[in-house]
Amino acid sequence: MTADSSRAAGQVRADAARNRQTLLAAATRVFARSEDEPSMREIAREAGVGVGTLYRHFPTREALVDAVYQDQVGRLTTGARELLAEHPPAEALRRWMDLFAEWLTTKHGMTDTLLTMVDTGEISLAHTRQELLAAIGTILDAGAEAGQIRAEVRAEDVSTAVLGLLAVAGKRGGTEQAGRLLDLLMDGLRPR
């Protein structure tokens, strides 16, 4: 392989990676704002690419939903570490709760496909749950060590509380109430 062909191949790979990221970001936006599952054509249009480009990267709706889902789980887990590096633990946990709320929102337009994939075993909720609990646990441990979060708080309890609050108040238009309720939860997590 010549130097020119090697550079050209590297450029193609870089372009393909950029297209994939553009498609993931567009799909995330479209899924978040859609009440029903959007068409693949709508997602391609949002990304500014042809539907053929979308299908080259994600040959099925399931492949796209899985990629968006895994991307968002990755953002939550790395987000916990990044927030903890930038903020005191209690603030990092509260900001992480907002990330979690955003993650739930992205699933609006892909719920049917996601549930089917869970039913068929293509996506493991148990694995996702473990990743998210580990992310919460990292922040809780740092918070307990810093004296900002009660030491007896368990990641499972925080996860359940956040899910419950967002199930009730996290619907469209309820973001202000959800924020207030998450603030109240944080108040309850602080040492007495």
C-alpha atoms as a PDB file:
ATOM      1  CA  MET A   1       0.000   0.000   0.000  1.00  0.00           C
ATOM      2  CA  THR A   2       1.399   3.386  -0.947  1.00  0.00           C
ATOM      3  CA  ALA A   3       1.506   6.368   1.399  1.00  0.00           C
ATOM      4  CA  ASP A   4      -1.209   8.097  -0.673  1.00  0.00           C
ATOM      5  CA  SER A   5      -3.542   5.102  -0.589  1.00  0.00           C
ATOM      6  CA  SER A   6      -2.900   4.676   3.146  1.00  0.00           C
ATOM      7  CA  ARG A   7      -3.820   8.350   3.740  1.00  0.00           C
ATOM      8  CA  ALA A   8      -6.917   7.950   1.531  1.00  0.00           C
ATOM      9  CA  ALA A   9      -8.004   4.851   3.483  1.00  0.00           C
ATOM     10  CA  GLY A  10      -7.461   6.729   6.747  1.00  0.00           C
ATOM     11  CA  GLN A  11      -9.565   9.629   5.443  1.00  0.00           C
ATOM     12  CA  VAL A  12     -12.372   7.259   4.450  1.00  0.00           C
ATOM     13  CA  ARG A  13     -12.300   5.657   7.901  1.00  0.00           C
ATOM     14  CA  ALA A  14     -12.337   9.092   9.567  1.00  0.00           C
ATOM     15  CA  ASP A  15     -15.254  10.172   7.366  1.00  0.00           C
ATOM     16  CA  ALA A  16     -17.130   6.957   8.180  1.00  0.00           C
ATOM     17  CA  ALA A  17     -16.530   7.481  11.913  1.00  0.00           C
ATOM     18  CA  ARG A  18     -17.778  11.084  11.647  1.00  0.00           C
ATOM     19  CA  ASN A  19     -20.854   9.943   9.704  1.00  0.00           C
ATOM     20  CA  ARG A  20     -21.577   7.315  12.346  1.00  0.00           C
ATOM     21  CA  GLN A  21     -21.313   9.876  15.175  1.00  0.00           C
ATOM     22  CA  THR A  22     -23.484  12.318  13.229  1.00  0.00           C
ATOM     23  CA  LEU A  23     -26.082   9.597  12.718  1.00  0.00           C
ATOM     24  CA  LEU A  24     -26.024   8.617  16.403  1.00  0.00           C
ATOM     25  CA  ALA A  25     -26.465  12.238  17.506  1.00  0.00           C
ATOM     26  CA  ALA A  26     -29.284  12.803  15.008  1.00  0.00           C
ATOM     27  CA  ALA A  27     -31.033   9.569  15.998  1.00  0.00           C
ATOM     28  CA  THR A  28     -30.770  10.510  19.679  1.00  0.00           C
ATOM     29  CA  ARG A  29     -32.397  13.895  18.987  1.00  0.00           C
ATOM     30  CA  VAL A  30     -35.153  12.409  16.833  1.00  0.00           C
ATOM     31  CA  PHE A  31     -35.911   9.607  19.299  1.00  0.00           C
ATOM     32  CA  ALA A  32     -36.053  12.103  22.184  1.00  0.00           C
ATOM     33  CA  ARG A  33     -38.588  14.389  20.531  1.00  0.00           C
ATOM     34  CA  SER A  34     -40.761  11.690  18.931  1.00  0.00           C
ATOM     35  CA  GLU A  35     -43.855  10.295  20.558  1.00  0.00           C
ATOM     36  CA  ASP A  36     -43.862   7.306  18.190  1.00  0.00           C
ATOM     37  CA  GLU A  37     -40.990   5.541  16.490  1.00  0.00           C
ATOM     38  CA  PRO A  38     -39.671   7.799  13.717  1.00  0.00           C
ATOM     39  CA  SER A  39     -38.830   6.521  10.261  1.00  0.00           C
ATOM     40  CA  MET A  40     -35.258   5.782   9.295  1.00  0.00           C
ATOM     41  CA  ARG A  41     -35.698   8.377   6.538  1.00  0.00           C
ATOM     42  CA  GLU A  42     -36.518  11.037   9.158  1.00  0.00           C
ATOM     43  CA  ILE A  43     -33.354  10.178  11.090  1.00  0.00           C
ATOM     44  CA  ALA A  44     -31.224  10.326   7.928  1.00  0.00           C
ATOM     45  CA  ARG A  45     -32.772  13.698   7.050  1.00  0.00           C
ATOM     46  CA  GLU A  46     -31.974  15.023  10.545  1.00  0.00           C
ATOM     47  CA  ALA A  47     -28.366  13.873  10.100  1.00  0.00           C
ATOM     48  CA  GLY A  48     -28.126  15.494   6.687  1.00  0.00           C
ATOM     49  CA  VAL A  49     -27.267  12.242   4.924  1.00  0.00           C
ATOM     50  CA  GLY A  50     -29.047   9.919   2.558  1.00  0.00           C
ATOM     51  CA  VAL A  51     -30.963   6.945   3.887  1.00  0.00           C
ATOM     52  CA  GLY A  52     -28.408   4.674   2.166  1.00  0.00           C
ATOM     53  CA  THR A  53     -25.670   6.115   4.376  1.00  0.00           C
ATOM     54  CA  LEU A  54     -27.811   5.411   7.439  1.00  0.00           C
ATOM     55  CA  TYR A  55     -28.373   1.803   6.357  1.00  0.00           C
ATOM     56  CA  ARG A  56     -24.665   1.313   5.584  1.00  0.00           C
ATOM     57  CA  HIS A  57     -23.869   2.117   9.214  1.00  0.00           C
ATOM     58  CA  PHE A  58     -27.001   0.617  10.766  1.00  0.00           C
ATOM     59  CA  PRO A  59     -28.538  -2.055   8.514  1.00  0.00           C
ATOM     60  CA  THR A  60     -31.656  -2.407  10.707  1.00  0.00           C
ATOM     61  CA  ARG A  61     -33.699  -0.263  13.087  1.00  0.00           C
ATOM     62  CA  GLU A  62     -32.582  -2.621  15.859  1.00  0.00           C
ATOM     63  CA  ALA A  63     -28.921  -1.964  15.069  1.00  0.00           C
ATOM     64  CA  LEU A  64     -29.525   1.792  15.314  1.00  0.00           C
ATOM     65  CA  VAL A  65     -31.546   1.527  18.535  1.00  0.00           C
ATOM     66  CA  ASP A  66     -28.853  -0.678  20.071  1.00  0.00           C
ATOM     67  CA  ALA A  67     -26.118   1.790  19.078  1.00  0.00           C
ATOM     68  CA  VAL A  68     -28.026   4.777  20.509  1.00  0.00           C
ATOM     69  CA  TYR A  69     -28.825   2.835  23.680  1.00  0.00           C
ATOM     70  CA  GLN A  70     -25.223   1.706  24.209  1.00  0.00           C
ATOM     71  CA  ASP A  71     -23.924   5.198  23.421  1.00  0.00           C
ATOM     72  CA  GLN A  72     -26.206   6.700  26.053  1.00  0.00           C
ATOM     73  CA  VAL A  73     -25.285   4.090  28.679  1.00  0.00           C
ATOM     74  CA  GLY A  74     -21.621   4.831  27.957  1.00  0.00           C
ATOM     75  CA  ARG A  75     -22.263   8.544  28.404  1.00  0.00           C
ATOM     76  CA  LEU A  76     -23.877   7.869  31.778  1.00  0.00           C
ATOM     77  CA  THR A  77     -21.041   5.726  33.053  1.00  0.00           C
ATOM     78  CA  THR A  78     -18.234   7.966  31.825  1.00  0.00           C
ATOM     79  CA  GLY A  79     -20.305  10.995  32.797  1.00  0.00           C
ATOM     80  CA  ALA A  80     -20.241   9.865  36.429  1.00  0.00           C
ATOM     81  CA  ARG A  81     -16.431   9.801  36.450  1.00  0.00           C
ATOM     82  CA  GLU A  82     -16.140  13.091  34.576  1.00  0.00           C
ATOM     83  CA  LEU A  83     -18.620  14.861  36.863  1.00  0.00           C
ATOM     84  CA  LEU A  84     -16.800  13.535  39.911  1.00  0.00           C
ATOM     85  CA  ALA A  85     -13.495  14.841  38.554  1.00  0.00           C
ATOM     86  CA  GLU A  86     -14.989  18.314  37.997  1.00  0.00           C
ATOM     87  CA  HIS A  87     -17.363  18.754  40.962  1.00  0.00           C
ATOM     88  CA  PRO A  88     -17.711  17.892  44.637  1.00  0.00           C
ATOM     89  CA  PRO A  89     -19.442  14.493  45.019  1.00  0.00           C
ATOM     90  CA  ALA A  90     -22.883  15.786  46.062  1.00  0.00           C
ATOM     91  CA  GLU A  91     -22.998  18.182  43.118  1.00  0.00           C
ATOM     92  CA  ALA A  92     -21.672  15.464  40.794  1.00  0.00           C
ATOM     93  CA  LEU A  93     -24.479  13.134  41.884  1.00  0.00           C
ATOM     94  CA  ARG A  94     -27.163  15.776  41.336  1.00  0.00           C
ATOM     95  CA  ARG A  95     -25.787  16.580  37.872  1.00  0.00           C
ATOM     96  CA  TRP A  96     -25.631  12.858  37.102  1.00  0.00           C
ATOM     97  CA  MET A  97     -29.333  12.626  37.939  1.00  0.00           C
ATOM     98  CA  ASP A  98     -29.958  15.210  35.216  1.00  0.00           C
ATOM     99  CA  LEU A  99     -27.920  13.101  32.764  1.00  0.00           C
ATOM    100  CA  PHE A 100     -30.039  10.114  33.719  1.00  0.00           C
ATOM    101  CA  ALA A 101     -33.235  12.097  33.080  1.00  0.00           C
ATOM    102  CA  GLU A 102     -31.922  13.059  29.633  1.00  0.00           C
ATOM    103  CA  TRP A 103     -31.121   9.403  28.962  1.00  0.00           C
ATOM    104  CA  LEU A 104     -34.680   8.388  29.764  1.00  0.00           C
ATOM    105  CA  THR A 105     -35.963  11.080  27.417  1.00  0.00           C
ATOM    106  CA  THR A 106     -33.948   9.717  24.484  1.00  0.00           C
ATOM    107  CA  LYS A 107     -35.869   6.464  24.703  1.00  0.00           C
ATOM    108  CA  HIS A 108     -39.270   8.024  23.854  1.00  0.00           C
ATOM    109  CA  GLY A 109     -39.156   7.274  20.136  1.00  0.00           C
ATOM    110  CA  MET A 110     -37.495   3.893  20.425  1.00  0.00           C
ATOM    111  CA  THR A 111     -39.476   2.282  23.223  1.00  0.00           C
ATOM    112  CA  ASP A 112     -41.250  -0.365  21.129  1.00  0.00           C
ATOM    113  CA  THR A 113     -38.070  -1.535  19.410  1.00  0.00           C
ATOM    114  CA  LEU A 114     -36.135  -1.401  22.680  1.00  0.00           C
ATOM    115  CA  LEU A 115     -38.725  -3.502  24.512  1.00  0.00           C
ATOM    116  CA  THR A 116     -38.730  -6.068  21.708  1.00  0.00           C
ATOM    117  CA  MET A 117     -34.931  -6.247  21.883  1.00  0.00           C
ATOM    118  CA  VAL A 118     -35.069  -6.739  25.653  1.00  0.00           C
ATOM    119  CA  ASP A 119     -37.677  -9.497  25.202  1.00  0.00           C
ATOM    120  CA  THR A 120     -35.517 -11.309  22.639  1.00  0.00           C
ATOM    121  CA  GLY A 121     -32.374 -10.895  24.728  1.00  0.00           C
ATOM    122  CA  GLU A 122     -30.595  -8.622  22.228  1.00  0.00           C
ATOM    123  CA  ILE A 123     -30.207  -6.027  24.997  1.00  0.00           C
ATOM    124  CA  SER A 124     -29.522  -7.040  28.575  1.00  0.00           C
ATOM    125  CA  LEU A 125     -31.139  -4.782  31.136  1.00  0.00           C
ATOM    126  CA  ALA A 126     -29.281  -6.628  33.873  1.00  0.00           C
ATOM    127  CA  HIS A 127     -25.938  -5.635  32.366  1.00  0.00           C
ATOM    128  CA  THR A 128     -27.056  -2.019  31.909  1.00  0.00           C
ATOM    129  CA  ARG A 129     -28.355  -1.942  35.471  1.00  0.00           C
ATOM    130  CA  GLN A 130     -24.996  -3.150  36.804  1.00  0.00           C
ATOM    131  CA  GLU A 131     -23.135  -0.479  34.825  1.00  0.00           C
ATOM    132  CA  LEU A 132     -25.432   2.267  36.101  1.00  0.00           C
ATOM    133  CA  LEU A 133     -25.286   1.038  39.697  1.00  0.00           C
ATOM    134  CA  ALA A 134     -21.490   1.006  39.500  1.00  0.00           C
ATOM    135  CA  ALA A 135     -21.523   4.609  38.239  1.00  0.00           C
ATOM    136  CA  ILE A 136     -23.808   5.695  41.080  1.00  0.00           C
ATOM    137  CA  GLY A 137     -21.724   3.713  43.573  1.00  0.00           C
ATOM    138  CA  THR A 138     -18.551   5.507  42.497  1.00  0.00           C
ATOM    139  CA  ILE A 139     -20.129   8.867  43.274  1.00  0.00           C
ATOM    140  CA  LEU A 140     -21.703   7.642  46.514  1.00  0.00           C
ATOM    141  CA  ASP A 141     -18.379   6.279  47.761  1.00  0.00           C
ATOM    142  CA  ALA A 142     -16.647   9.591  47.051  1.00  0.00           C
ATOM    143  CA  GLY A 143     -19.519  11.463  48.677  1.00  0.00           C
ATOM    144  CA  ALA A 144     -19.407   9.342  51.828  1.00  0.00           C
ATOM    145  CA  GLU A 145     -15.642   9.757  52.051  1.00  0.00           C
ATOM    146  CA  ALA A 146     -15.997  13.542  51.680  1.00  0.00           C
ATOM    147  CA  GLY A 147     -18.816  13.653  54.233  1.00  0.00           C
ATOM    148  CA  GLN A 148     -21.250  15.046  51.640  1.00  0.00           C
ATOM    149  CA  ILE A 149     -23.486  11.996  51.215  1.00  0.00           C
ATOM    150  CA  ARG A 150     -24.734   9.665  53.945  1.00  0.00           C
ATOM    151  CA  ALA A 151     -22.557   6.569  54.140  1.00  0.00           C
ATOM    152  CA  GLU A 152     -25.486   4.130  54.375  1.00  0.00           C
ATOM    153  CA  VAL A 153     -26.994   5.198  51.047  1.00  0.00           C
ATOM    154  CA  ARG A 154     -27.001   2.368  48.508  1.00  0.00           C
ATOM    155  CA  ALA A 155     -26.767   2.744  44.744  1.00  0.00           C
ATOM    156  CA  GLU A 156     -29.879   0.574  44.286  1.00  0.00           C
ATOM    157  CA  ASP A 157     -31.896   2.947  46.467  1.00  0.00           C
ATOM    158  CA  VAL A 158     -30.740   6.025  44.558  1.00  0.00           C
ATOM    159  CA  SER A 159     -31.498   4.329  41.240  1.00  0.00           C
ATOM    160  CA  THR A 160     -34.982   3.298  42.344  1.00  0.00           C
ATOM    161  CA  ALA A 161     -35.750   6.740  43.774  1.00  0.00           C
ATOM    162  CA  VAL A 162     -34.586   8.559  40.637  1.00  0.00           C
ATOM    163  CA  LEU A 163     -36.513   6.187  38.353  1.00  0.00           C
ATOM    164  CA  GLY A 164     -39.647   6.581  40.462  1.00  0.00           C
ATOM    165  CA  LEU A 165     -39.451  10.357  40.528  1.00  0.00           C
ATOM    166  CA  LEU A 166     -38.821  10.582  36.806  1.00  0.00           C
ATOM    167  CA  ALA A 167     -41.605   8.110  36.013  1.00  0.00           C
ATOM    168  CA  VAL A 168     -44.053  10.458  37.708  1.00  0.00           C
ATOM    169  CA  ALA A 169     -42.615  13.897  36.959  1.00  0.00           C
ATOM    170  CA  GLY A 170     -40.237  13.300  34.067  1.00  0.00           C
ATOM    171  CA  LYS A 171     -42.857  13.397  31.336  1.00  0.00           C
ATOM    172  CA  ARG A 172     -42.725  16.152  28.764  1.00  0.00           C
ATOM    173  CA  GLY A 173     -43.518  19.458  30.397  1.00  0.00           C
ATOM    174  CA  GLY A 174     -42.729  18.110  33.858  1.00  0.00           C
ATOM    175  CA  THR A 175     -39.021  18.907  33.833  1.00  0.00           C
ATOM    176  CA  GLU A 176     -39.314  21.724  36.383  1.00  0.00           C
ATOM    177  CA  GLN A 177     -41.137  19.478  38.825  1.00  0.00           C
ATOM    178  CA  ALA A 178     -38.672  16.655  38.166  1.00  0.00           C
ATOM    179  CA  GLY A 179     -35.796  19.023  38.965  1.00  0.00           C
ATOM    180  CA  ARG A 180     -37.416  20.101  42.223  1.00  0.00           C
ATOM    181  CA  LEU A 181     -38.051  16.496  43.238  1.00  0.00           C
ATOM    182  CA  LEU A 182     -34.470  15.489  42.424  1.00  0.00           C
ATOM    183  CA  ASP A 183     -33.271  18.412  44.577  1.00  0.00           C
ATOM    184  CA  LEU A 184     -35.415  17.107  47.435  1.00  0.00           C
ATOM    185  CA  LEU A 185     -33.941  13.643  46.962  1.00  0.00           C
ATOM    186  CA  MET A 186     -30.444  15.116  47.145  1.00  0.00           C
ATOM    187  CA  ASP A 187     -31.362  16.887  50.386  1.00  0.00           C
ATOM    188  CA  GLY A 188     -32.364  13.509  51.827  1.00  0.00           C
ATOM    189  CA  LEU A 189     -29.028  11.972  50.787  1.00  0.00           C
ATOM    190  CA  ARG A 190     -26.930  14.501  52.681  1.00  0.00           C
ATOM    191  CA  PRO A 191     -25.690  13.655  56.194  1.00  0.00           C
ATOM    192  CA  ARG A 192     -27.956  14.708  59.036  1.00  0.00           C
END
